[in-house]
């Protein structure tokens, strides 16, 4: 919250990050969706109140009388980068370190699946995450090109061949 009582978007994205790190995927996603500028400009009335570009992350959303719901400090904020990182790294669980990739999502329980495409040099990785047990987190299986990876870490190769990565969430190992 800002000194004027408004939304401080940087800090709000950090709260979403904290929810994800606590395993609260549903809360993290609800907050991130609330922060999404598009959600502040769904119709003409919303646009008149918001007054800024609905495709740019604002630094602030005001709550002072006469300015409630108005966005501010667009094109200036680093909050867009934090929003991107929280969605990608914390919620979708995409965590690359050098040539190693972990997919360890923290998502709402009602998400049945999601897909990512990642290009590493000349190589395309198609990543499919399945959530058959309707859990928020916990990786039960990682496969690369149909072969289970015991440490659940994908070793990235730049071999110009497409690779299929399958991640299954759950509490029990998948056979």
Foldseek 3Di string as FASTA:
>chain_A
DDPQPWDQLQVLLVVLLVCLVVLNQVVSVVSLVVQQLLVQPVDPVSCVLQVDDSHFRARIQGCDPPNHRHGHHTPNDPSVVSSVCCVVCRAQNFDDDPQKTAGWHQHQLPDQWDWDWDDDALEIEIEIEGEPPSGRTAWQFKDKQRHTDVVRMDGHDNPNYYIYIYTYGDDHHDD
